[in-house]
Amino acid sequence: MTTTDKIKEEYLNHTRKLLYDYPDVLRTFEQLWQSGKFREAYICVDEAVRKLGIVLSSEQRKADEAFYWEVVN
């Protein structure tokens, strides 16, 4: 497993936990993820976090930053 794959896996796991109480957003995220649209999936999560006022834990923030810099950017 490559470093990028590990970062994707970690981000996916953290995002599923983060959006557990928001099934519509989670469903949209999962669809984008399965389609390989990682940038769009990231934007979906970022917008949901902002609109819903979700606070990221330090682990989630680290996973978010790693995913952004390794995969999205």
N, C-alpha and C. Protein backbone atom coordinates (compact mmCIF):
# COMPACT_ATOMS: atom_id res chain seq x y z
N MET A 1 0.84 -1.18 0.00
CA MET A 1 0.00 0.00 0.00
C MET A 1 0.89 1.24 0.00
N THR A 2 0.59 2.16 -0.90
CA THR A 2 1.39 3.37 -1.01
C THR A 2 0.99 4.38 0.08
N THR A 3 1.80 5.38 0.23
CA THR A 3 1.49 6.44 1.19
C THR A 3 0.18 7.13 0.82
N THR A 4 -0.01 7.37 -0.45
CA THR A 4 -1.25 8.00 -0.91
C THR A 4 -2.46 7.13 -0.58
N ASP A 5 -2.33 5.84 -0.77
CA ASP A 5 -3.43 4.92 -0.44
C ASP A 5 -3.74 4.95 1.05
N LYS A 6 -2.71 5.01 1.86
CA LYS A 6 -2.91 5.08 3.31
C LYS A 6 -3.62 6.37 3.71
N ILE A 7 -3.22 7.47 3.10
CA ILE A 7 -3.83 8.76 3.39
C ILE A 7 -5.30 8.74 2.96
N LYS A 8 -5.58 8.19 1.79
CA LYS A 8 -6.97 8.08 1.33
C LYS A 8 -7.80 7.24 2.30
N GLU A 9 -7.27 6.12 2.72
CA GLU A 9 -7.98 5.23 3.63
C GLU A 9 -8.28 5.93 4.96
N GLU A 10 -7.29 6.62 5.48
CA GLU A 10 -7.47 7.33 6.75
C GLU A 10 -8.53 8.43 6.61
N TYR A 11 -8.46 9.18 5.53
CA TYR A 11 -9.43 10.25 5.29
C TYR A 11 -10.84 9.67 5.15
N LEU A 12 -10.96 8.58 4.41
CA LEU A 12 -12.26 7.93 4.21
C LEU A 12 -12.85 7.49 5.55
N ASN A 13 -12.05 6.85 6.38
CA ASN A 13 -12.53 6.38 7.68
C ASN A 13 -12.96 7.55 8.58
N HIS A 14 -12.15 8.59 8.63
CA HIS A 14 -12.49 9.75 9.47
C HIS A 14 -13.74 10.45 8.94
N THR A 15 -13.87 10.54 7.63
CA THR A 15 -15.02 11.22 7.05
C THR A 15 -16.31 10.44 7.30
N ARG A 16 -16.24 9.13 7.21
CA ARG A 16 -17.43 8.33 7.50
C ARG A 16 -17.90 8.55 8.94
N LYS A 17 -16.97 8.62 9.86
CA LYS A 17 -17.33 8.89 11.26
C LYS A 17 -17.88 10.31 11.42
N LEU A 18 -17.24 11.24 10.75
CA LEU A 18 -17.62 12.65 10.85
C LEU A 18 -19.03 12.89 10.34
N LEU A 19 -19.39 12.23 9.25
CA LEU A 19 -20.68 12.48 8.61
C LEU A 19 -21.74 11.45 8.97
N TYR A 20 -21.48 10.62 9.93
CA TYR A 20 -22.41 9.55 10.31
C TYR A 20 -23.82 10.08 10.58
N ASP A 21 -23.93 11.21 11.25
CA ASP A 21 -25.23 11.78 11.60
C ASP A 21 -25.84 12.62 10.47
N TYR A 22 -25.19 12.65 9.32
CA TYR A 22 -25.66 13.43 8.17
C TYR A 22 -25.71 12.51 6.94
N PRO A 23 -26.69 11.62 6.90
CA PRO A 23 -26.72 10.58 5.86
C PRO A 23 -26.77 11.10 4.43
N ASP A 24 -27.44 12.22 4.20
CA ASP A 24 -27.50 12.75 2.84
C ASP A 24 -26.13 13.20 2.35
N VAL A 25 -25.42 13.90 3.21
CA VAL A 25 -24.08 14.36 2.86
C VAL A 25 -23.14 13.16 2.72
N LEU A 26 -23.26 12.22 3.62
CA LEU A 26 -22.42 11.02 3.57
C LEU A 26 -22.67 10.25 2.28
N ARG A 27 -23.92 10.13 1.88
CA ARG A 27 -24.25 9.42 0.64
C ARG A 27 -23.61 10.12 -0.57
N THR A 28 -23.72 11.43 -0.61
CA THR A 28 -23.11 12.20 -1.71
C THR A 28 -21.60 12.00 -1.72
N PHE A 29 -21.00 12.10 -0.54
CA PHE A 29 -19.55 11.89 -0.42
C PHE A 29 -19.16 10.50 -0.93
N GLU A 30 -19.89 9.47 -0.49
CA GLU A 30 -19.58 8.09 -0.89
C GLU A 30 -19.70 7.92 -2.41
N GLN A 31 -20.69 8.52 -3.02
CA GLN A 31 -20.87 8.42 -4.47
C GLN A 31 -19.70 9.06 -5.21
N LEU A 32 -19.30 10.23 -4.75
CA LEU A 32 -18.15 10.90 -5.37
C LEU A 32 -16.88 10.09 -5.18
N TRP A 33 -16.70 9.56 -3.98
CA TRP A 33 -15.52 8.76 -3.66
C TRP A 33 -15.44 7.52 -4.56
N GLN A 34 -16.55 6.82 -4.67
CA GLN A 34 -16.59 5.60 -5.48
C GLN A 34 -16.33 5.89 -6.95
N SER A 35 -16.68 7.09 -7.39
CA SER A 35 -16.44 7.50 -8.78
C SER A 35 -15.01 7.98 -9.01
N GLY A 36 -14.24 8.04 -7.93
CA GLY A 36 -12.86 8.50 -8.05
C GLY A 36 -12.75 10.01 -8.13
N LYS A 37 -13.81 10.70 -7.77
CA LYS A 37 -13.82 12.17 -7.81
C LYS A 37 -13.41 12.69 -6.43
N PHE A 38 -12.13 12.54 -6.14
CA PHE A 38 -11.63 12.86 -4.81
C PHE A 38 -11.66 14.35 -4.49
N ARG A 39 -11.38 15.17 -5.48
CA ARG A 39 -11.43 16.62 -5.26
C ARG A 39 -12.85 17.05 -4.93
N GLU A 40 -13.81 16.57 -5.70
CA GLU A 40 -15.20 16.90 -5.47
C GLU A 40 -15.69 16.36 -4.12
N ALA A 41 -15.22 15.17 -3.75
CA ALA A 41 -15.58 14.58 -2.46
C ALA A 41 -15.05 15.45 -1.32
N TYR A 42 -13.82 15.93 -1.48
CA TYR A 42 -13.23 16.80 -0.46
C TYR A 42 -14.03 18.09 -0.33
N ILE A 43 -14.39 18.67 -1.45
CA ILE A 43 -15.17 19.91 -1.44
C ILE A 43 -16.53 19.69 -0.78
N CYS A 44 -17.15 18.56 -1.06
CA CYS A 44 -18.43 18.21 -0.46
C CYS A 44 -18.32 18.20 1.07
N VAL A 45 -17.29 17.57 1.57
CA VAL A 45 -17.08 17.48 3.01
C VAL A 45 -16.76 18.86 3.59
N ASP A 46 -15.90 19.58 2.93
CA ASP A 46 -15.52 20.91 3.41
C ASP A 46 -16.74 21.82 3.50
N GLU A 47 -17.58 21.81 2.48
CA GLU A 47 -18.78 22.64 2.50
C GLU A 47 -19.73 22.21 3.62
N ALA A 48 -19.90 20.91 3.81
CA ALA A 48 -20.78 20.41 4.87
C ALA A 48 -20.27 20.82 6.24
N VAL A 49 -18.96 20.72 6.45
CA VAL A 49 -18.37 21.10 7.73
C VAL A 49 -18.64 22.58 8.01
N ARG A 50 -18.49 23.39 7.00
CA ARG A 50 -18.72 24.84 7.18
C ARG A 50 -20.19 25.15 7.43
N LYS A 51 -21.06 24.59 6.58
CA LYS A 51 -22.50 24.89 6.69
C LYS A 51 -23.12 24.36 7.97
N LEU A 52 -22.69 23.17 8.39
CA LEU A 52 -23.29 22.53 9.55
C LEU A 52 -22.58 22.86 10.86
N GLY A 53 -21.48 23.58 10.76
CA GLY A 53 -20.74 23.97 11.97
C GLY A 53 -20.09 22.79 12.67
N ILE A 54 -19.67 21.80 11.90
CA ILE A 54 -19.03 20.61 12.47
C ILE A 54 -17.61 20.97 12.87
N VAL A 55 -17.23 20.54 14.06
CA VAL A 55 -15.88 20.78 14.57
C VAL A 55 -15.06 19.50 14.40
N LEU A 56 -13.95 19.62 13.72
CA LEU A 56 -13.06 18.47 13.50
C LEU A 56 -12.20 18.21 14.72
N SER A 57 -12.01 16.95 15.03
CA SER A 57 -11.06 16.59 16.09
C SER A 57 -9.66 16.82 15.53
N SER A 58 -8.67 16.76 16.40
CA SER A 58 -7.29 16.95 15.92
C SER A 58 -6.90 15.85 14.93
N GLU A 59 -7.36 14.61 15.16
CA GLU A 59 -7.05 13.52 14.23
C GLU A 59 -7.73 13.75 12.88
N GLN A 60 -8.98 14.20 12.92
CA GLN A 60 -9.70 14.47 11.67
C GLN A 60 -9.04 15.62 10.91
N ARG A 61 -8.60 16.62 11.63
CA ARG A 61 -7.93 17.76 10.99
C ARG A 61 -6.64 17.31 10.32
N LYS A 62 -5.88 16.43 10.98
CA LYS A 62 -4.63 15.92 10.40
C LYS A 62 -4.93 15.11 9.14
N ALA A 63 -5.95 14.27 9.20
CA ALA A 63 -6.32 13.45 8.03
C ALA A 63 -6.78 14.35 6.89
N ASP A 64 -7.54 15.40 7.23
CA ASP A 64 -8.02 16.35 6.23
C ASP A 64 -6.84 17.05 5.54
N GLU A 65 -5.92 17.54 6.34
CA GLU A 65 -4.76 18.25 5.78
C GLU A 65 -3.90 17.33 4.93
N ALA A 66 -3.65 16.12 5.40
CA ALA A 66 -2.83 15.18 4.63
C ALA A 66 -3.51 14.84 3.30
N PHE A 67 -4.82 14.61 3.34
CA PHE A 67 -5.55 14.29 2.13
C PHE A 67 -5.52 15.46 1.16
N TYR A 68 -5.72 16.64 1.67
CA TYR A 68 -5.70 17.83 0.81
C TYR A 68 -4.35 17.97 0.11
N TRP A 69 -3.27 17.90 0.86
CA TRP A 69 -1.96 18.15 0.27
C TRP A 69 -1.46 16.99 -0.59
N GLU A 70 -1.87 15.77 -0.29
CA GLU A 70 -1.37 14.61 -1.05
C GLU A 70 -2.26 14.27 -2.25
N VAL A 71 -3.56 14.46 -2.11
CA VAL A 71 -4.47 13.98 -3.14
C VAL A 71 -5.17 15.11 -3.90
N VAL A 72 -5.70 16.06 -3.17
CA VAL A 72 -6.54 17.10 -3.78
C VAL A 72 -5.71 18.17 -4.48
N ASN A 73 -4.70 18.66 -3.81
CA ASN A 73 -3.92 19.79 -4.31
C ASN A 73 -3.12 19.44 -5.51
